[in-house]
Amino acid sequence: LARHLQKEAQSQHNNSEFTEDQKKTIAKIATCLELRSAALQSTQSQDEFKLEDLKKLEPILKNILTYNKEFPFDVQPVPLRKILAPGEEEHLEFEEDDEEGGAGAGSPDSFPARVPGTLLPRLPSEPGMTLLTINIEKIGLKDAGQCIDPYITVSVKDLNGIDLTPVQDTPVAVRKEDMYVHFNVDIEIQKHIERLTKGAAIFFEFKHYKPKKRFTSTKCFAFMEMDEIKPGAIVIELYKKPTDFKRKKLQLLTKKPLYLHLHQTLHKE
């Protein structure tokens, strides 16, 4: 709902039934929905956007054409590209000069989309169960220096491409040098390894912003299967988009030796 409201708020067409002020209000409601979504997925309880807060928005949305009071929360509209669903940007048009193929549908949204840079904390440990921390060190790309606001979406999917854990986005990369985009960020996988279904895989989608098109695009993806979960460093191959969560039609991004560099840490009590 946040994404649909956000798109309406930022629509450029003149035949929109909403005024500019109404669009601002709609965008702020979208922001509040995002805050509520983040609160539901957070383990910390301070500064949460509560259900009672959310209920205050219902009369505003119902009476959007006549609402003229001050907005009850001090929030700013979120930029449109911040709340595209995982895979949703694949439906948008592509630039011709990309060495990337057609569009593909993303996985069903079993979990709400997250704003980039909102990583989840490690789960509580359980006796005999293993938790996995993946440090995303860097990714090798021939045009690494030209990527704007690059980040990586991490998801855990079953064989049918359905999410097994909430999707997480890294913050924007820390630096770009030579043929590498450096992240150096830890991702806490949100399920004990023993509880992941057979055939599951951990996906890493490299995304960057395209100013000409004003949306975030997936450039390439990589994935790690269950038998690759072991402590220490690992490099995994990069594949052309669209992201193939079912792993049926995989095409390597390049013949050059460019990979996603990860480091795994297993925590077992």
C-alpha atoms as a PDB file:
ATOM      1  CA  LEU A   1       0.000   0.000   0.000  1.00  0.00           C
ATOM      2  CA  ALA A   2       2.881   2.359   0.831  1.00  0.00           C
ATOM      3  CA  ARG A   3       4.341   1.828  -2.639  1.00  0.00           C
ATOM      4  CA  HIS A   4       1.019   2.380  -4.428  1.00  0.00           C
ATOM      5  CA  LEU A   5       0.393   5.587  -2.474  1.00  0.00           C
ATOM      6  CA  GLN A   6       3.936   6.765  -3.114  1.00  0.00           C
ATOM      7  CA  LYS A   7       3.593   6.231  -6.867  1.00  0.00           C
ATOM      8  CA  GLU A   8       0.334   8.200  -6.930  1.00  0.00           C
ATOM      9  CA  ALA A   9       1.930  10.965  -4.890  1.00  0.00           C
ATOM     10  CA  GLN A  10       4.823  11.250  -7.337  1.00  0.00           C
ATOM     11  CA  SER A  11       2.858  10.818 -10.554  1.00  0.00           C
ATOM     12  CA  GLN A  12       3.591  13.578 -13.031  1.00  0.00           C
ATOM     13  CA  HIS A  13       0.461  13.372 -15.182  1.00  0.00           C
ATOM     14  CA  ASN A  14      -1.807  16.415 -15.147  1.00  0.00           C
ATOM     15  CA  ASN A  15      -5.035  14.453 -15.161  1.00  0.00           C
ATOM     16  CA  SER A  16      -4.418  13.211 -11.599  1.00  0.00           C
ATOM     17  CA  GLU A  17      -7.483  13.721  -9.413  1.00  0.00           C
ATOM     18  CA  PHE A  18      -5.270  14.929  -6.564  1.00  0.00           C
ATOM     19  CA  THR A  19      -3.874  18.391  -5.925  1.00  0.00           C
ATOM     20  CA  GLU A  20      -0.188  18.887  -5.040  1.00  0.00           C
ATOM     21  CA  ASP A  21      -1.098  19.317  -1.340  1.00  0.00           C
ATOM     22  CA  GLN A  22      -3.138  16.125  -1.405  1.00  0.00           C
ATOM     23  CA  LYS A  23      -0.218  14.303  -3.025  1.00  0.00           C
ATOM     24  CA  LYS A  24       2.058  15.499  -0.208  1.00  0.00           C
ATOM     25  CA  THR A  25      -0.407  14.134   2.350  1.00  0.00           C
ATOM     26  CA  ILE A  26      -0.589  10.813   0.483  1.00  0.00           C
ATOM     27  CA  ALA A  27       3.215  10.631   0.432  1.00  0.00           C
ATOM     28  CA  LYS A  28       3.348  11.270   4.182  1.00  0.00           C
ATOM     29  CA  ILE A  29       0.826   8.470   4.775  1.00  0.00           C
ATOM     30  CA  ALA A  30       3.100   6.201   2.717  1.00  0.00           C
ATOM     31  CA  THR A  31       6.007   7.177   4.980  1.00  0.00           C
ATOM     32  CA  CYS A  32       3.938   6.334   8.084  1.00  0.00           C
ATOM     33  CA  LEU A  33       3.095   2.915   6.616  1.00  0.00           C
ATOM     34  CA  GLU A  34       6.812   2.324   6.079  1.00  0.00           C
ATOM     35  CA  LEU A  35       7.528   3.324   9.685  1.00  0.00           C
ATOM     36  CA  ARG A  36       4.853   0.925  10.927  1.00  0.00           C
ATOM     37  CA  SER A  37       6.299  -1.848   8.753  1.00  0.00           C
ATOM     38  CA  ALA A  38       9.780  -1.210  10.167  1.00  0.00           C
ATOM     39  CA  ALA A  39       8.380  -1.143  13.725  1.00  0.00           C
ATOM     40  CA  LEU A  40       6.709  -4.533  13.227  1.00  0.00           C
ATOM     41  CA  GLN A  41      10.023  -6.035  12.128  1.00  0.00           C
ATOM     42  CA  SER A  42      12.155  -4.406  14.804  1.00  0.00           C
ATOM     43  CA  THR A  43      13.132  -6.042  18.086  1.00  0.00           C
ATOM     44  CA  GLN A  44      13.681  -2.674  19.788  1.00  0.00           C
ATOM     45  CA  SER A  45      10.585  -1.038  21.243  1.00  0.00           C
ATOM     46  CA  GLN A  46      11.626   2.609  21.515  1.00  0.00           C
ATOM     47  CA  ASP A  47      10.269   5.215  19.088  1.00  0.00           C
ATOM     48  CA  GLU A  48       7.985   2.717  17.412  1.00  0.00           C
ATOM     49  CA  PHE A  49       5.187   3.767  15.121  1.00  0.00           C
ATOM     50  CA  LYS A  50       2.294   2.164  16.982  1.00  0.00           C
ATOM     51  CA  LEU A  51      -1.010   0.735  15.790  1.00  0.00           C
ATOM     52  CA  GLU A  52      -2.868   3.600  17.512  1.00  0.00           C
ATOM     53  CA  ASP A  53      -0.794   6.022  15.413  1.00  0.00           C
ATOM     54  CA  LEU A  54      -1.679   4.153  12.253  1.00  0.00           C
ATOM     55  CA  LYS A  55      -5.399   4.316  13.067  1.00  0.00           C
ATOM     56  CA  LYS A  56      -5.204   8.136  13.088  1.00  0.00           C
ATOM     57  CA  LEU A  57      -4.404   7.985   9.364  1.00  0.00           C
ATOM     58  CA  GLU A  58      -7.578   6.134   8.366  1.00  0.00           C
ATOM     59  CA  PRO A  59      -9.938   9.156   8.433  1.00  0.00           C
ATOM     60  CA  ILE A  60      -7.341  11.206   6.525  1.00  0.00           C
ATOM     61  CA  LEU A  61      -7.085   8.616   3.761  1.00  0.00           C
ATOM     62  CA  LYS A  62     -10.856   8.156   3.618  1.00  0.00           C
ATOM     63  CA  ASN A  63     -11.424  11.907   3.294  1.00  0.00           C
ATOM     64  CA  ILE A  64      -8.318  12.761   1.275  1.00  0.00           C
ATOM     65  CA  LEU A  65     -10.234  15.034  -1.139  1.00  0.00           C
ATOM     66  CA  THR A  66     -11.596  17.221   1.660  1.00  0.00           C
ATOM     67  CA  TYR A  67      -8.893  16.873   4.365  1.00  0.00           C
ATOM     68  CA  ASN A  68      -7.401  20.290   5.137  1.00  0.00           C
ATOM     69  CA  LYS A  69      -5.976  20.005   8.660  1.00  0.00           C
ATOM     70  CA  GLU A  70      -2.330  19.725   9.615  1.00  0.00           C
ATOM     71  CA  PHE A  71      -0.811  16.263   9.253  1.00  0.00           C
ATOM     72  CA  PRO A  72      -0.683  14.607  12.715  1.00  0.00           C
ATOM     73  CA  PHE A  73       2.903  13.343  12.414  1.00  0.00           C
ATOM     74  CA  ASP A  74       6.124  15.172  11.630  1.00  0.00           C
ATOM     75  CA  VAL A  75       7.299  12.976   8.755  1.00  0.00           C
ATOM     76  CA  GLN A  76       8.786  13.613   5.334  1.00  0.00           C
ATOM     77  CA  PRO A  77       7.780  11.854   2.115  1.00  0.00           C
ATOM     78  CA  VAL A  78      10.196   9.004   1.347  1.00  0.00           C
ATOM     79  CA  PRO A  79      11.908   9.180  -2.084  1.00  0.00           C
ATOM     80  CA  LEU A  80      10.137   6.876  -4.508  1.00  0.00           C
ATOM     81  CA  ARG A  81      13.142   4.649  -5.118  1.00  0.00           C
ATOM     82  CA  LYS A  82      13.415   3.811  -1.431  1.00  0.00           C
ATOM     83  CA  ILE A  83      10.293   1.662  -1.353  1.00  0.00           C
ATOM     84  CA  LEU A  84      10.310  -0.434  -4.493  1.00  0.00           C
ATOM     85  CA  ALA A  85       9.548  -4.022  -3.616  1.00  0.00           C
ATOM     86  CA  PRO A  86      12.208  -6.668  -4.144  1.00  0.00           C
ATOM     87  CA  GLY A  87      12.021  -7.465  -7.849  1.00  0.00           C
ATOM     88  CA  GLU A  88       9.445  -4.753  -8.556  1.00  0.00           C
ATOM     89  CA  GLU A  89      11.884  -2.578 -10.471  1.00  0.00           C
ATOM     90  CA  GLU A  90      12.244  -5.433 -12.973  1.00  0.00           C
ATOM     91  CA  HIS A  91       8.847  -4.492 -14.422  1.00  0.00           C
ATOM     92  CA  LEU A  92      10.087  -1.047 -15.402  1.00  0.00           C
ATOM     93  CA  GLU A  93      11.698  -0.222 -18.715  1.00  0.00           C
ATOM     94  CA  PHE A  94      15.400  -0.749 -19.276  1.00  0.00           C
ATOM     95  CA  GLU A  95      18.078   1.401 -20.810  1.00  0.00           C
ATOM     96  CA  GLU A  96      19.183   0.160 -24.194  1.00  0.00           C
ATOM     97  CA  ASP A  97      22.906   0.407 -23.507  1.00  0.00           C
ATOM     98  CA  ASP A  98      22.819  -2.016 -20.577  1.00  0.00           C
ATOM     99  CA  GLU A  99      24.189  -5.477 -21.217  1.00  0.00           C
ATOM    100  CA  GLU A 100      21.124  -6.838 -19.499  1.00  0.00           C
ATOM    101  CA  GLY A 101      18.171  -8.814 -20.787  1.00  0.00           C
ATOM    102  CA  GLY A 102      14.395  -8.424 -20.496  1.00  0.00           C
ATOM    103  CA  ALA A 103      12.108  -8.025 -17.534  1.00  0.00           C
ATOM    104  CA  GLY A 104      11.113 -10.682 -15.058  1.00  0.00           C
ATOM    105  CA  ALA A 105       8.614 -10.779 -12.249  1.00  0.00           C
ATOM    106  CA  GLY A 106       9.957 -10.651  -8.734  1.00  0.00           C
ATOM    107  CA  SER A 107       8.981 -13.092  -6.020  1.00  0.00           C
ATOM    108  CA  PRO A 108       5.680 -12.696  -4.187  1.00  0.00           C
ATOM    109  CA  ASP A 109       5.972 -10.223  -1.329  1.00  0.00           C
ATOM    110  CA  SER A 110       5.659 -12.600   1.604  1.00  0.00           C
ATOM    111  CA  PHE A 111       7.341  -9.959   3.759  1.00  0.00           C
ATOM    112  CA  PRO A 112       7.113  -6.160   3.528  1.00  0.00           C
ATOM    113  CA  ALA A 113       9.763  -4.364   1.495  1.00  0.00           C
ATOM    114  CA  ARG A 114      12.388  -2.644   3.613  1.00  0.00           C
ATOM    115  CA  VAL A 115      14.024   0.736   3.179  1.00  0.00           C
ATOM    116  CA  PRO A 116      17.705   0.303   2.109  1.00  0.00           C
ATOM    117  CA  GLY A 117      20.068   0.249   5.037  1.00  0.00           C
ATOM    118  CA  THR A 118      17.676  -1.279   7.557  1.00  0.00           C
ATOM    119  CA  LEU A 119      19.440  -4.448   8.655  1.00  0.00           C
ATOM    120  CA  LEU A 120      17.974  -6.793  11.226  1.00  0.00           C
ATOM    121  CA  PRO A 121      19.761  -7.876  14.426  1.00  0.00           C
ATOM    122  CA  ARG A 122      20.962 -11.414  15.111  1.00  0.00           C
ATOM    123  CA  LEU A 123      18.325 -13.825  16.402  1.00  0.00           C
ATOM    124  CA  PRO A 124      18.605 -15.168  19.954  1.00  0.00           C
ATOM    125  CA  SER A 125      20.767 -18.294  20.108  1.00  0.00           C
ATOM    126  CA  GLU A 126      19.203 -21.685  20.795  1.00  0.00           C
ATOM    127  CA  PRO A 127      20.985 -24.803  22.071  1.00  0.00           C
ATOM    128  CA  GLY A 128      22.157 -27.014  19.217  1.00  0.00           C
ATOM    129  CA  MET A 129      21.063 -24.501  16.549  1.00  0.00           C
ATOM    130  CA  THR A 130      23.308 -22.573  14.160  1.00  0.00           C
ATOM    131  CA  LEU A 131      23.042 -18.921  13.158  1.00  0.00           C
ATOM    132  CA  LEU A 132      24.847 -17.462  10.148  1.00  0.00           C
ATOM    133  CA  THR A 133      26.429 -14.024   9.798  1.00  0.00           C
ATOM    134  CA  ILE A 134      27.529 -13.109   6.277  1.00  0.00           C
ATOM    135  CA  ASN A 135      29.957 -10.240   5.826  1.00  0.00           C
ATOM    136  CA  ILE A 136      29.540  -8.760   2.349  1.00  0.00           C
ATOM    137  CA  GLU A 137      33.051  -7.534   1.622  1.00  0.00           C
ATOM    138  CA  LYS A 138      32.976  -6.341  -1.997  1.00  0.00           C
ATOM    139  CA  ILE A 139      31.680  -7.026  -5.493  1.00  0.00           C
ATOM    140  CA  GLY A 140      33.738  -6.912  -8.674  1.00  0.00           C
ATOM    141  CA  LEU A 141      32.222  -5.001 -11.619  1.00  0.00           C
ATOM    142  CA  LYS A 142      33.890  -3.588 -14.722  1.00  0.00           C
ATOM    143  CA  ASP A 143      32.024  -0.267 -14.300  1.00  0.00           C
ATOM    144  CA  ALA A 144      32.111  -0.193 -10.489  1.00  0.00           C
ATOM    145  CA  GLY A 145      32.971   3.504 -10.330  1.00  0.00           C
ATOM    146  CA  GLN A 146      29.866   4.537 -12.309  1.00  0.00           C
ATOM    147  CA  CYS A 147      27.277   2.921 -10.003  1.00  0.00           C
ATOM    148  CA  ILE A 148      25.178   5.488  -8.097  1.00  0.00           C
ATOM    149  CA  ASP A 149      24.021   4.660  -4.546  1.00  0.00           C
ATOM    150  CA  PRO A 150      24.759   0.939  -4.907  1.00  0.00           C
ATOM    151  CA  TYR A 151      23.354  -1.449  -2.319  1.00  0.00           C
ATOM    152  CA  ILE A 152      22.630  -5.177  -2.071  1.00  0.00           C
ATOM    153  CA  THR A 153      19.290  -6.811  -1.299  1.00  0.00           C
ATOM    154  CA  VAL A 154      19.700 -10.085   0.598  1.00  0.00           C
ATOM    155  CA  SER A 155      16.919 -12.663   0.674  1.00  0.00           C
ATOM    156  CA  VAL A 156      16.531 -16.328   1.546  1.00  0.00           C
ATOM    157  CA  LYS A 157      14.295 -18.212  -0.896  1.00  0.00           C
ATOM    158  CA  ASP A 158      12.968 -21.734  -1.207  1.00  0.00           C
ATOM    159  CA  LEU A 159      13.028 -23.672  -4.497  1.00  0.00           C
ATOM    160  CA  ASN A 160       9.858 -21.881  -5.638  1.00  0.00           C
ATOM    161  CA  GLY A 161      11.369 -18.449  -5.011  1.00  0.00           C
ATOM    162  CA  ILE A 162       9.246 -17.774  -1.922  1.00  0.00           C
ATOM    163  CA  ASP A 163      10.823 -15.758   0.906  1.00  0.00           C
ATOM    164  CA  LEU A 164      11.780 -17.793   3.978  1.00  0.00           C
ATOM    165  CA  THR A 165      12.957 -14.753   5.957  1.00  0.00           C
ATOM    166  CA  PRO A 166      12.364 -10.985   5.780  1.00  0.00           C
ATOM    167  CA  VAL A 167      14.277  -9.304   2.942  1.00  0.00           C
ATOM    168  CA  GLN A 168      17.165  -7.071   4.060  1.00  0.00           C
ATOM    169  CA  ASP A 169      18.965  -4.275   2.233  1.00  0.00           C
ATOM    170  CA  THR A 170      22.508  -3.180   2.978  1.00  0.00           C
ATOM    171  CA  PRO A 171      23.304   0.496   3.434  1.00  0.00           C
ATOM    172  CA  VAL A 172      24.758   2.178   0.350  1.00  0.00           C
ATOM    173  CA  ALA A 173      28.334   0.998  -0.378  1.00  0.00           C
ATOM    174  CA  VAL A 174      31.142   2.527   1.671  1.00  0.00           C
ATOM    175  CA  ARG A 175      33.477   3.136  -1.260  1.00  0.00           C
ATOM    176  CA  LYS A 176      34.253   2.337  -4.902  1.00  0.00           C
ATOM    177  CA  GLU A 177      37.768   1.764  -6.175  1.00  0.00           C
ATOM    178  CA  ASP A 178      39.200   0.148  -9.288  1.00  0.00           C
ATOM    179  CA  MET A 179      36.815  -2.631 -10.268  1.00  0.00           C
ATOM    180  CA  TYR A 180      35.276  -3.115  -6.828  1.00  0.00           C
ATOM    181  CA  VAL A 181      32.359  -1.722  -4.865  1.00  0.00           C
ATOM    182  CA  HIS A 182      33.166  -2.181  -1.165  1.00  0.00           C
ATOM    183  CA  PHE A 183      30.428  -2.818   1.408  1.00  0.00           C
ATOM    184  CA  ASN A 184      32.048  -4.471   4.430  1.00  0.00           C
ATOM    185  CA  VAL A 185      28.686  -5.012   6.122  1.00  0.00           C
ATOM    186  CA  ASP A 186      27.341  -7.908   8.228  1.00  0.00           C
ATOM    187  CA  ILE A 187      24.011  -9.532   7.376  1.00  0.00           C
ATOM    188  CA  GLU A 188      22.368 -11.649  10.078  1.00  0.00           C
ATOM    189  CA  ILE A 189      20.383 -14.462   8.412  1.00  0.00           C
ATOM    190  CA  GLN A 190      16.964 -14.444  10.112  1.00  0.00           C
ATOM    191  CA  LYS A 191      16.520 -18.185  10.540  1.00  0.00           C
ATOM    192  CA  HIS A 192      18.552 -20.947  12.144  1.00  0.00           C
ATOM    193  CA  ILE A 193      20.354 -22.910   9.424  1.00  0.00           C
ATOM    194  CA  GLU A 194      18.773 -26.153  10.599  1.00  0.00           C
ATOM    195  CA  ARG A 195      15.311 -24.655   9.977  1.00  0.00           C
ATOM    196  CA  LEU A 196      15.908 -23.692   6.345  1.00  0.00           C
ATOM    197  CA  THR A 197      14.073 -25.928   3.872  1.00  0.00           C
ATOM    198  CA  LYS A 198      15.967 -28.302   1.621  1.00  0.00           C
ATOM    199  CA  GLY A 199      17.056 -26.600  -1.582  1.00  0.00           C
ATOM    200  CA  ALA A 200      16.926 -23.089  -0.090  1.00  0.00           C
ATOM    201  CA  ALA A 201      19.408 -20.458  -1.261  1.00  0.00           C
ATOM    202  CA  ILE A 202      20.607 -17.052  -0.096  1.00  0.00           C
ATOM    203  CA  PHE A 203      20.343 -14.407  -2.846  1.00  0.00           C
ATOM    204  CA  PHE A 204      22.320 -11.213  -3.237  1.00  0.00           C
ATOM    205  CA  GLU A 205      20.923  -8.656  -5.707  1.00  0.00           C
ATOM    206  CA  PHE A 206      23.206  -5.747  -6.592  1.00  0.00           C
ATOM    207  CA  LYS A 207      21.122  -2.604  -7.172  1.00  0.00           C
ATOM    208  CA  HIS A 208      21.983   0.926  -8.242  1.00  0.00           C
ATOM    209  CA  TYR A 209      20.122   4.136  -9.039  1.00  0.00           C
ATOM    210  CA  LYS A 210      19.583   5.281 -12.632  1.00  0.00           C
ATOM    211  CA  PRO A 211      19.078   9.054 -12.720  1.00  0.00           C
ATOM    212  CA  LYS A 212      17.780   9.103 -16.315  1.00  0.00           C
ATOM    213  CA  LYS A 213      14.968   6.711 -15.463  1.00  0.00           C
ATOM    214  CA  ARG A 214      14.576   7.818 -11.828  1.00  0.00           C
ATOM    215  CA  PHE A 215      14.415   4.306 -10.458  1.00  0.00           C
ATOM    216  CA  THR A 216      16.622   1.718  -8.842  1.00  0.00           C
ATOM    217  CA  SER A 217      17.665  -1.127 -11.107  1.00  0.00           C
ATOM    218  CA  THR A 218      19.045  -4.577 -10.385  1.00  0.00           C
ATOM    219  CA  LYS A 219      22.352  -4.896 -12.226  1.00  0.00           C
ATOM    220  CA  CYS A 220      23.198  -8.507 -11.394  1.00  0.00           C
ATOM    221  CA  PHE A 221      22.702 -11.154  -8.732  1.00  0.00           C
ATOM    222  CA  ALA A 222      24.498 -13.997  -7.003  1.00  0.00           C
ATOM    223  CA  PHE A 223      23.352 -16.791  -4.733  1.00  0.00           C
ATOM    224  CA  MET A 224      24.720 -19.263  -2.251  1.00  0.00           C
ATOM    225  CA  GLU A 225      23.241 -22.721  -1.729  1.00  0.00           C
ATOM    226  CA  MET A 226      23.052 -24.616   1.535  1.00  0.00           C
ATOM    227  CA  ASP A 227      26.121 -26.793   0.875  1.00  0.00           C
ATOM    228  CA  GLU A 228      28.196 -23.612   0.537  1.00  0.00           C
ATOM    229  CA  ILE A 229      27.477 -22.540   4.114  1.00  0.00           C
ATOM    230  CA  LYS A 230      30.792 -23.028   5.906  1.00  0.00           C
ATOM    231  CA  PRO A 231      32.990 -20.716   7.995  1.00  0.00           C
ATOM    232  CA  GLY A 232      35.477 -18.480   6.201  1.00  0.00           C
ATOM    233  CA  ALA A 233      35.823 -16.602   2.931  1.00  0.00           C
ATOM    234  CA  ILE A 234      33.894 -17.507  -0.220  1.00  0.00           C
ATOM    235  CA  VAL A 235      33.611 -15.947  -3.680  1.00  0.00           C
ATOM    236  CA  ILE A 236      30.449 -16.533  -5.724  1.00  0.00           C
ATOM    237  CA  GLU A 237      29.693 -15.918  -9.377  1.00  0.00           C
ATOM    238  CA  LEU A 238      27.572 -13.063 -10.724  1.00  0.00           C
ATOM    239  CA  TYR A 239      24.590 -13.688 -13.001  1.00  0.00           C
ATOM    240  CA  LYS A 240      22.674 -11.476 -15.430  1.00  0.00           C
ATOM    241  CA  LYS A 241      19.324 -10.090 -14.365  1.00  0.00           C
ATOM    242  CA  PRO A 242      16.419 -10.558 -14.074  1.00  0.00           C
ATOM    243  CA  THR A 243      16.957 -12.363 -10.789  1.00  0.00           C
ATOM    244  CA  ASP A 244      16.027 -16.017 -11.256  1.00  0.00           C
ATOM    245  CA  PHE A 245      14.966 -17.107  -7.770  1.00  0.00           C
ATOM    246  CA  LYS A 246      14.095 -20.579  -9.059  1.00  0.00           C
ATOM    247  CA  ARG A 247      17.625 -20.966 -10.508  1.00  0.00           C
ATOM    248  CA  LYS A 248      16.408 -22.388 -13.837  1.00  0.00           C
ATOM    249  CA  LYS A 249      17.887 -20.096 -16.530  1.00  0.00           C
ATOM    250  CA  LEU A 250      21.170 -18.756 -15.229  1.00  0.00           C
ATOM    251  CA  GLN A 251      23.472 -16.655 -17.390  1.00  0.00           C
ATOM    252  CA  LEU A 252      26.846 -15.479 -16.127  1.00  0.00           C
ATOM    253  CA  LEU A 253      27.188 -11.691 -16.122  1.00  0.00           C
ATOM    254  CA  THR A 254      30.670 -11.714 -17.628  1.00  0.00           C
ATOM    255  CA  LYS A 255      33.515 -14.012 -18.654  1.00  0.00           C
ATOM    256  CA  LYS A 256      35.905 -11.861 -16.610  1.00  0.00           C
ATOM    257  CA  PRO A 257      36.897 -13.170 -13.156  1.00  0.00           C
ATOM    258  CA  LEU A 258      34.607 -10.812 -11.218  1.00  0.00           C
ATOM    259  CA  TYR A 259      32.781 -12.113  -8.161  1.00  0.00           C
ATOM    260  CA  LEU A 260      30.906 -11.288  -4.982  1.00  0.00           C
ATOM    261  CA  HIS A 261      33.303 -11.655  -2.039  1.00  0.00           C
ATOM    262  CA  LEU A 262      31.757 -12.859   1.230  1.00  0.00           C
ATOM    263  CA  HIS A 263      32.951 -14.057   4.621  1.00  0.00           C
ATOM    264  CA  GLN A 264      30.799 -16.413   6.691  1.00  0.00           C
ATOM    265  CA  THR A 265      30.699 -16.819  10.463  1.00  0.00           C
ATOM    266  CA  LEU A 266      28.672 -19.615  12.076  1.00  0.00           C
ATOM    267  CA  HIS A 267      27.393 -19.210  15.643  1.00  0.00           C
ATOM    268  CA  LYS A 268      26.456 -22.423  17.434  1.00  0.00           C
ATOM    269  CA  GLU A 269      25.603 -22.734  21.103  1.00  0.00           C
END
